Amino acid sequence: MFGISFTELLLVGLVALLVLGPERLPGAARTAGLWIGRLKRSFNAIKQEVEREIGADEIRRQLHNEHILSLEQEARKILAPTQQEPTPVQPPAEQATASPVPVDEPAAVPAESVKPAATAPTAPTPAPHDPTQPPRAS
């Protein structure tokens, strides 16, 4: 973890033996081991709690992002409705012009299956005497 090699540990042990002496060295090693164990356990507990918090924050962030995305999609649906083809306007039945069908001959196609052809809108033609319009080619 800290990059301590065997020779460094050996050097620290030799200095501890010289400073503490052979009588107090085993007790000091035991005490140091207990403290190191406690530090490791507390460090691991803090680490797990931080990871849990980060995980909870990540989940909250994902839920927030999903909520924002759903709101954005709803806004797009409202502001930009899908383009639909315009439905052709059918004339009323009284004004419809149909060719007379003789009574003794059956009609080739039933009237329910005939759909009116969609006509492209035409641009209005200017009047021939309108001075604001350029002259038309004949």
N, C-alpha and C. Protein backbone atom coordinates (compact mmCIF):
# COMPACT_ATOMS: atom_id res chain seq x y z
N MET A 1 0.82 -1.18 0.00
CA MET A 1 0.00 0.00 0.00
C MET A 1 0.88 1.25 0.00
N PHE A 2 1.86 1.29 0.85
CA PHE A 2 2.75 2.45 0.90
C PHE A 2 4.07 2.18 0.20
N GLY A 3 4.28 0.97 -0.28
CA GLY A 3 5.50 0.64 -1.00
C GLY A 3 6.68 0.38 -0.06
N ILE A 4 6.41 -0.26 1.08
CA ILE A 4 7.49 -0.58 2.02
C ILE A 4 8.06 -1.94 1.64
N SER A 5 9.35 -1.99 1.41
CA SER A 5 9.98 -3.27 1.02
C SER A 5 10.47 -4.01 2.27
N PHE A 6 10.95 -5.23 2.05
CA PHE A 6 11.42 -6.07 3.16
C PHE A 6 12.62 -5.44 3.85
N THR A 7 13.52 -4.86 3.09
CA THR A 7 14.71 -4.26 3.71
C THR A 7 14.33 -3.07 4.58
N GLU A 8 13.33 -2.30 4.19
CA GLU A 8 12.88 -1.17 5.01
C GLU A 8 12.24 -1.68 6.30
N LEU A 9 11.45 -2.75 6.23
CA LEU A 9 10.87 -3.33 7.44
C LEU A 9 11.96 -3.86 8.37
N LEU A 10 12.96 -4.49 7.79
CA LEU A 10 14.07 -5.01 8.58
C LEU A 10 14.82 -3.87 9.28
N LEU A 11 15.00 -2.77 8.60
CA LEU A 11 15.68 -1.61 9.19
C LEU A 11 14.86 -1.02 10.33
N VAL A 12 13.53 -0.90 10.17
CA VAL A 12 12.66 -0.37 11.22
C VAL A 12 12.70 -1.30 12.42
N GLY A 13 12.66 -2.62 12.19
CA GLY A 13 12.74 -3.59 13.31
C GLY A 13 14.04 -3.50 14.06
N LEU A 14 15.14 -3.33 13.36
CA LEU A 14 16.45 -3.22 14.01
C LEU A 14 16.54 -1.95 14.86
N VAL A 15 16.02 -0.84 14.34
CA VAL A 15 16.03 0.42 15.10
C VAL A 15 15.12 0.28 16.33
N ALA A 16 13.95 -0.36 16.19
CA ALA A 16 13.05 -0.55 17.32
C ALA A 16 13.71 -1.43 18.37
N LEU A 17 14.44 -2.48 17.95
CA LEU A 17 15.14 -3.34 18.90
C LEU A 17 16.20 -2.56 19.67
N LEU A 18 16.92 -1.70 18.98
CA LEU A 18 17.96 -0.90 19.64
C LEU A 18 17.36 0.14 20.59
N VAL A 19 16.24 0.79 20.19
CA VAL A 19 15.65 1.86 20.99
C VAL A 19 14.89 1.28 22.18
N LEU A 20 14.02 0.26 21.93
CA LEU A 20 13.17 -0.26 22.99
C LEU A 20 13.86 -1.34 23.84
N GLY A 21 14.72 -2.05 23.23
CA GLY A 21 15.40 -3.14 23.94
C GLY A 21 14.61 -4.43 23.78
N PRO A 22 15.26 -5.57 24.09
CA PRO A 22 14.62 -6.86 23.89
C PRO A 22 13.47 -7.12 24.88
N GLU A 23 13.40 -6.49 26.04
CA GLU A 23 12.33 -6.74 27.01
C GLU A 23 11.01 -6.08 26.60
N ARG A 24 11.07 -4.85 26.10
CA ARG A 24 9.83 -4.12 25.76
C ARG A 24 9.43 -4.28 24.29
N LEU A 25 10.24 -4.82 23.43
CA LEU A 25 9.94 -4.94 22.00
C LEU A 25 8.71 -5.83 21.71
N PRO A 26 8.54 -7.03 22.34
CA PRO A 26 7.34 -7.83 22.06
C PRO A 26 6.04 -7.11 22.46
N GLY A 27 6.00 -6.42 23.58
CA GLY A 27 4.80 -5.66 23.98
C GLY A 27 4.52 -4.51 23.04
N ALA A 28 5.58 -3.83 22.60
CA ALA A 28 5.41 -2.72 21.67
C ALA A 28 4.92 -3.21 20.31
N ALA A 29 5.41 -4.38 19.87
CA ALA A 29 4.97 -4.95 18.59
C ALA A 29 3.49 -5.34 18.66
N ARG A 30 3.08 -5.94 19.83
CA ARG A 30 1.68 -6.33 20.02
C ARG A 30 0.79 -5.08 20.01
N THR A 31 1.18 -4.06 20.70
CA THR A 31 0.40 -2.82 20.75
C THR A 31 0.33 -2.17 19.36
N ALA A 32 1.44 -2.17 18.65
CA ALA A 32 1.44 -1.60 17.29
C ALA A 32 0.53 -2.41 16.36
N GLY A 33 0.54 -3.74 16.52
CA GLY A 33 -0.34 -4.58 15.70
C GLY A 33 -1.81 -4.31 15.97
N LEU A 34 -2.16 -4.12 17.25
CA LEU A 34 -3.55 -3.80 17.60
C LEU A 34 -3.98 -2.46 17.01
N TRP A 35 -3.13 -1.47 17.13
CA TRP A 35 -3.44 -0.16 16.58
C TRP A 35 -3.57 -0.21 15.05
N ILE A 36 -2.69 -0.92 14.41
CA ILE A 36 -2.75 -1.04 12.94
C ILE A 36 -4.04 -1.75 12.53
N GLY A 37 -4.43 -2.80 13.29
CA GLY A 37 -5.70 -3.49 13.00
C GLY A 37 -6.90 -2.57 13.14
N ARG A 38 -6.90 -1.78 14.23
CA ARG A 38 -8.01 -0.84 14.43
C ARG A 38 -8.07 0.20 13.32
N LEU A 39 -6.91 0.70 12.94
CA LEU A 39 -6.87 1.69 11.85
C LEU A 39 -7.38 1.09 10.54
N LYS A 40 -6.99 -0.15 10.25
CA LYS A 40 -7.46 -0.80 9.01
C LYS A 40 -8.97 -0.99 9.03
N ARG A 41 -9.50 -1.46 10.18
CA ARG A 41 -10.95 -1.68 10.27
C ARG A 41 -11.72 -0.36 10.12
N SER A 42 -11.25 0.68 10.80
CA SER A 42 -11.96 1.96 10.69
C SER A 42 -11.83 2.54 9.27
N PHE A 43 -10.66 2.36 8.67
CA PHE A 43 -10.47 2.84 7.30
C PHE A 43 -11.40 2.09 6.35
N ASN A 44 -11.52 0.76 6.52
CA ASN A 44 -12.42 -0.03 5.66
C ASN A 44 -13.88 0.36 5.89
N ALA A 45 -14.27 0.63 7.14
CA ALA A 45 -15.65 1.05 7.42
C ALA A 45 -15.95 2.39 6.76
N ILE A 46 -15.02 3.32 6.86
CA ILE A 46 -15.21 4.63 6.22
C ILE A 46 -15.28 4.47 4.71
N LYS A 47 -14.40 3.62 4.18
CA LYS A 47 -14.38 3.38 2.74
C LYS A 47 -15.71 2.78 2.26
N GLN A 48 -16.26 1.81 3.00
CA GLN A 48 -17.53 1.20 2.61
C GLN A 48 -18.67 2.21 2.70
N GLU A 49 -18.66 3.05 3.72
CA GLU A 49 -19.71 4.05 3.84
C GLU A 49 -19.65 5.06 2.71
N VAL A 50 -18.43 5.47 2.35
CA VAL A 50 -18.28 6.40 1.23
C VAL A 50 -18.75 5.76 -0.06
N GLU A 51 -18.41 4.49 -0.25
CA GLU A 51 -18.86 3.80 -1.47
C GLU A 51 -20.37 3.67 -1.50
N ARG A 52 -20.98 3.40 -0.32
CA ARG A 52 -22.45 3.34 -0.26
C ARG A 52 -23.06 4.68 -0.60
N GLU A 53 -22.48 5.75 -0.06
CA GLU A 53 -22.99 7.09 -0.34
C GLU A 53 -22.83 7.44 -1.82
N ILE A 54 -21.68 7.09 -2.36
CA ILE A 54 -21.45 7.35 -3.78
C ILE A 54 -22.44 6.56 -4.62
N GLY A 55 -22.67 5.30 -4.22
CA GLY A 55 -23.65 4.47 -4.93
C GLY A 55 -25.04 5.05 -4.84
N ALA A 56 -25.42 5.53 -3.65
CA ALA A 56 -26.73 6.14 -3.49
C ALA A 56 -26.83 7.43 -4.31
N ASP A 57 -25.76 8.20 -4.30
CA ASP A 57 -25.76 9.43 -5.12
C ASP A 57 -25.87 9.08 -6.59
N GLU A 58 -25.18 8.03 -7.01
CA GLU A 58 -25.23 7.61 -8.41
C GLU A 58 -26.65 7.18 -8.79
N ILE A 59 -27.29 6.44 -7.90
CA ILE A 59 -28.67 6.01 -8.17
C ILE A 59 -29.59 7.23 -8.24
N ARG A 60 -29.41 8.15 -7.29
CA ARG A 60 -30.22 9.38 -7.33
C ARG A 60 -29.98 10.16 -8.62
N ARG A 61 -28.74 10.23 -9.04
CA ARG A 61 -28.40 10.95 -10.26
C ARG A 61 -29.04 10.28 -11.48
N GLN A 62 -29.00 8.93 -11.52
CA GLN A 62 -29.60 8.23 -12.64
C GLN A 62 -31.11 8.44 -12.68
N LEU A 63 -31.76 8.36 -11.52
CA LEU A 63 -33.20 8.60 -11.46
C LEU A 63 -33.54 10.02 -11.89
N HIS A 64 -32.74 10.97 -11.46
CA HIS A 64 -32.97 12.37 -11.84
C HIS A 64 -32.80 12.54 -13.35
N ASN A 65 -31.76 11.91 -13.91
CA ASN A 65 -31.53 12.00 -15.36
C ASN A 65 -32.67 11.35 -16.13
N GLU A 66 -33.16 10.19 -15.66
CA GLU A 66 -34.29 9.55 -16.34
C GLU A 66 -35.53 10.43 -16.28
N HIS A 67 -35.74 11.08 -15.14
CA HIS A 67 -36.90 11.98 -15.00
C HIS A 67 -36.78 13.15 -15.96
N ILE A 68 -35.59 13.72 -16.06
CA ILE A 68 -35.37 14.84 -16.97
C ILE A 68 -35.57 14.39 -18.42
N LEU A 69 -35.08 13.19 -18.77
CA LEU A 69 -35.26 12.70 -20.14
C LEU A 69 -36.73 12.49 -20.46
N SER A 70 -37.50 11.95 -19.51
CA SER A 70 -38.92 11.75 -19.78
C SER A 70 -39.63 13.09 -19.94
N LEU A 71 -39.27 14.08 -19.12
CA LEU A 71 -39.87 15.41 -19.27
C LEU A 71 -39.50 16.03 -20.61
N GLU A 72 -38.27 15.82 -21.04
CA GLU A 72 -37.83 16.36 -22.33
C GLU A 72 -38.59 15.71 -23.48
N GLN A 73 -38.80 14.41 -23.39
CA GLN A 73 -39.56 13.72 -24.45
C GLN A 73 -41.00 14.21 -24.49
N GLU A 74 -41.61 14.42 -23.32
CA GLU A 74 -42.97 14.93 -23.30
C GLU A 74 -43.03 16.33 -23.91
N ALA A 75 -42.04 17.15 -23.60
CA ALA A 75 -42.01 18.50 -24.14
C ALA A 75 -41.86 18.47 -25.66
N ARG A 76 -41.03 17.57 -26.15
CA ARG A 76 -40.88 17.45 -27.61
C ARG A 76 -42.17 17.02 -28.26
N LYS A 77 -42.90 16.10 -27.62
CA LYS A 77 -44.18 15.66 -28.19
C LYS A 77 -45.16 16.81 -28.24
N ILE A 78 -45.15 17.65 -27.20
CA ILE A 78 -46.10 18.76 -27.14
C ILE A 78 -45.71 19.87 -28.12
N LEU A 79 -44.42 20.22 -28.14
CA LEU A 79 -43.98 21.36 -28.95
C LEU A 79 -43.83 21.01 -30.43
N ALA A 80 -43.48 19.82 -30.76
CA ALA A 80 -43.27 19.44 -32.15
C ALA A 80 -44.09 18.19 -32.47
N PRO A 81 -45.40 18.37 -32.76
CA PRO A 81 -46.21 17.19 -33.06
C PRO A 81 -45.73 16.56 -34.37
N THR A 82 -45.98 15.29 -34.49
CA THR A 82 -45.53 14.57 -35.69
C THR A 82 -46.29 15.06 -36.91
N GLN A 83 -45.60 15.08 -38.01
CA GLN A 83 -46.20 15.51 -39.27
C GLN A 83 -47.13 14.41 -39.78
N GLN A 84 -48.38 14.74 -39.99
CA GLN A 84 -49.35 13.79 -40.51
C GLN A 84 -49.79 14.27 -41.88
N GLU A 85 -50.08 13.31 -42.72
CA GLU A 85 -50.56 13.68 -44.05
C GLU A 85 -51.94 14.27 -43.93
N PRO A 86 -52.22 15.37 -44.66
CA PRO A 86 -53.55 15.96 -44.57
C PRO A 86 -54.56 15.03 -45.23
N THR A 87 -55.70 14.91 -44.60
CA THR A 87 -56.74 14.05 -45.16
C THR A 87 -57.47 14.83 -46.24
N PRO A 88 -57.74 14.18 -47.38
CA PRO A 88 -58.44 14.89 -48.46
C PRO A 88 -59.87 15.21 -48.04
N VAL A 89 -60.31 16.40 -48.42
CA VAL A 89 -61.66 16.83 -48.11
C VAL A 89 -62.59 16.29 -49.19
N GLN A 90 -63.61 15.56 -48.75
CA GLN A 90 -64.57 15.00 -49.71
C GLN A 90 -65.76 15.93 -49.81
N PRO A 91 -66.25 16.14 -51.03
CA PRO A 91 -67.42 17.01 -51.18
C PRO A 91 -68.66 16.31 -50.63
N PRO A 92 -69.64 17.11 -50.20
CA PRO A 92 -70.89 16.51 -49.72
C PRO A 92 -71.55 15.70 -50.83
N ALA A 93 -72.43 14.78 -50.45
CA ALA A 93 -73.05 13.85 -51.41
C ALA A 93 -73.90 14.59 -52.44
N GLU A 94 -74.54 15.71 -52.07
CA GLU A 94 -75.39 16.42 -53.03
C GLU A 94 -74.54 17.09 -54.12
N GLN A 95 -73.32 17.55 -53.76
CA GLN A 95 -72.52 18.27 -54.73
C GLN A 95 -71.58 17.36 -55.52
N ALA A 96 -71.49 16.11 -55.15
CA ALA A 96 -70.59 15.20 -55.85
C ALA A 96 -71.11 14.97 -57.26
N THR A 97 -70.20 15.03 -58.20
CA THR A 97 -70.58 14.79 -59.58
C THR A 97 -70.19 13.37 -59.93
N ALA A 98 -71.15 12.60 -60.28
CA ALA A 98 -70.89 11.21 -60.65
C ALA A 98 -71.56 10.95 -61.98
N SER A 99 -70.93 10.13 -62.77
CA SER A 99 -71.53 9.80 -64.06
C SER A 99 -72.69 8.85 -63.82
N PRO A 100 -73.75 9.04 -64.57
CA PRO A 100 -74.93 8.18 -64.36
C PRO A 100 -74.60 6.74 -64.76
N VAL A 101 -75.01 5.82 -63.93
CA VAL A 101 -74.80 4.40 -64.20
C VAL A 101 -76.13 3.83 -64.66
N PRO A 102 -76.12 3.17 -65.80
CA PRO A 102 -77.38 2.56 -66.25
C PRO A 102 -77.87 1.54 -65.23
N VAL A 103 -79.17 1.44 -65.10
CA VAL A 103 -79.77 0.57 -64.09
C VAL A 103 -79.52 -0.89 -64.42
N ASP A 104 -79.56 -1.26 -65.71
CA ASP A 104 -79.43 -2.67 -66.07
C ASP A 104 -77.98 -3.16 -66.04
N GLU A 105 -76.97 -2.25 -66.01
CA GLU A 105 -75.58 -2.67 -65.96
C GLU A 105 -75.06 -2.55 -64.51
N PRO A 106 -74.42 -3.61 -63.98
CA PRO A 106 -73.87 -3.48 -62.62
C PRO A 106 -72.61 -2.63 -62.65
N ALA A 107 -72.35 -1.98 -61.57
CA ALA A 107 -71.16 -1.15 -61.47
C ALA A 107 -69.94 -2.06 -61.34
N ALA A 108 -68.82 -1.65 -61.97
CA ALA A 108 -67.62 -2.48 -61.97
C ALA A 108 -66.96 -2.51 -60.60
N VAL A 109 -66.98 -1.39 -59.90
CA VAL A 109 -66.33 -1.29 -58.59
C VAL A 109 -67.35 -0.74 -57.62
N PRO A 110 -67.47 -1.35 -56.44
CA PRO A 110 -68.42 -0.80 -55.45
C PRO A 110 -68.01 0.61 -55.04
N ALA A 111 -68.99 1.41 -54.75
CA ALA A 111 -68.76 2.82 -54.43
C ALA A 111 -67.97 2.98 -53.13
N GLU A 112 -68.07 2.02 -52.18
CA GLU A 112 -67.37 2.15 -50.91
C GLU A 112 -65.86 2.02 -51.09
N SER A 113 -65.40 1.28 -52.10
CA SER A 113 -63.97 1.06 -52.25
C SER A 113 -63.30 2.15 -53.09
N VAL A 114 -64.07 3.04 -53.69
CA VAL A 114 -63.49 4.11 -54.49
C VAL A 114 -63.10 5.25 -53.57
N LYS A 115 -61.84 5.63 -53.67
CA LYS A 115 -61.35 6.74 -52.86
C LYS A 115 -60.99 7.88 -53.80
N PRO A 116 -61.29 9.10 -53.42
CA PRO A 116 -60.95 10.22 -54.30
C PRO A 116 -59.43 10.38 -54.39
N ALA A 117 -58.97 10.76 -55.54
CA ALA A 117 -57.54 10.97 -55.76
C ALA A 117 -57.11 12.26 -55.09
N ALA A 118 -55.97 12.22 -54.46
CA ALA A 118 -55.45 13.42 -53.81
C ALA A 118 -54.88 14.34 -54.89
N THR A 119 -55.32 15.57 -54.87
CA THR A 119 -54.85 16.52 -55.88
C THR A 119 -53.84 17.45 -55.24
N ALA A 120 -52.83 17.77 -55.96
CA ALA A 120 -51.82 18.69 -55.48
C ALA A 120 -52.38 20.10 -55.56
N PRO A 121 -52.15 20.91 -54.56
CA PRO A 121 -52.65 22.29 -54.61
C PRO A 121 -51.94 23.05 -55.72
N THR A 122 -52.71 23.84 -56.44
CA THR A 122 -52.15 24.62 -57.55
C THR A 122 -52.02 26.07 -57.10
N ALA A 123 -51.00 26.71 -57.62
CA ALA A 123 -50.78 28.11 -57.30
C ALA A 123 -51.82 28.96 -58.03
N PRO A 124 -52.32 29.98 -57.40
CA PRO A 124 -53.31 30.83 -58.08
C PRO A 124 -52.65 31.58 -59.23
N THR A 125 -53.36 31.66 -60.32
CA THR A 125 -52.83 32.38 -61.49
C THR A 125 -53.24 33.83 -61.40
N PRO A 126 -52.33 34.73 -61.70
CA PRO A 126 -52.67 36.15 -61.61
C PRO A 126 -53.64 36.54 -62.74
N ALA A 127 -54.38 37.55 -62.49
CA ALA A 127 -55.32 38.04 -63.49
C ALA A 127 -54.52 38.63 -64.67
N PRO A 128 -55.04 38.54 -65.91
CA PRO A 128 -54.29 39.02 -67.06
C PRO A 128 -54.06 40.53 -67.04
N HIS A 129 -54.89 41.28 -66.41
CA HIS A 129 -54.75 42.73 -66.43
C HIS A 129 -54.10 43.27 -65.14
N ASP A 130 -53.52 42.41 -64.29
CA ASP A 130 -52.90 42.86 -63.04
C ASP A 130 -51.55 43.50 -63.33
N PRO A 131 -51.38 44.80 -63.11
CA PRO A 131 -50.13 45.48 -63.45
C PRO A 131 -48.99 45.16 -62.47
N THR A 132 -49.30 44.62 -61.30
CA THR A 132 -48.23 44.32 -60.33
C THR A 132 -47.52 43.01 -60.63
N GLN A 133 -48.08 42.19 -61.48
CA GLN A 133 -47.49 40.90 -61.83
C GLN A 133 -46.69 41.02 -63.12
N PRO A 134 -45.59 40.27 -63.24
CA PRO A 134 -44.83 40.31 -64.50
C PRO A 134 -45.64 39.69 -65.62
N PRO A 135 -45.34 40.05 -66.83
CA PRO A 135 -46.11 39.48 -67.95
C PRO A 135 -45.85 37.98 -68.07
N ARG A 136 -46.89 37.24 -68.43
CA ARG A 136 -46.79 35.80 -68.54
C ARG A 136 -46.38 35.43 -69.96
N ALA A 137 -45.61 34.33 -70.03
CA ALA A 137 -45.23 33.83 -71.36
C ALA A 137 -46.40 33.04 -71.95
N SER A 138 -46.68 33.23 -73.22
CA SER A 138 -47.80 32.54 -73.82
C SER A 138 -47.35 31.31 -74.56
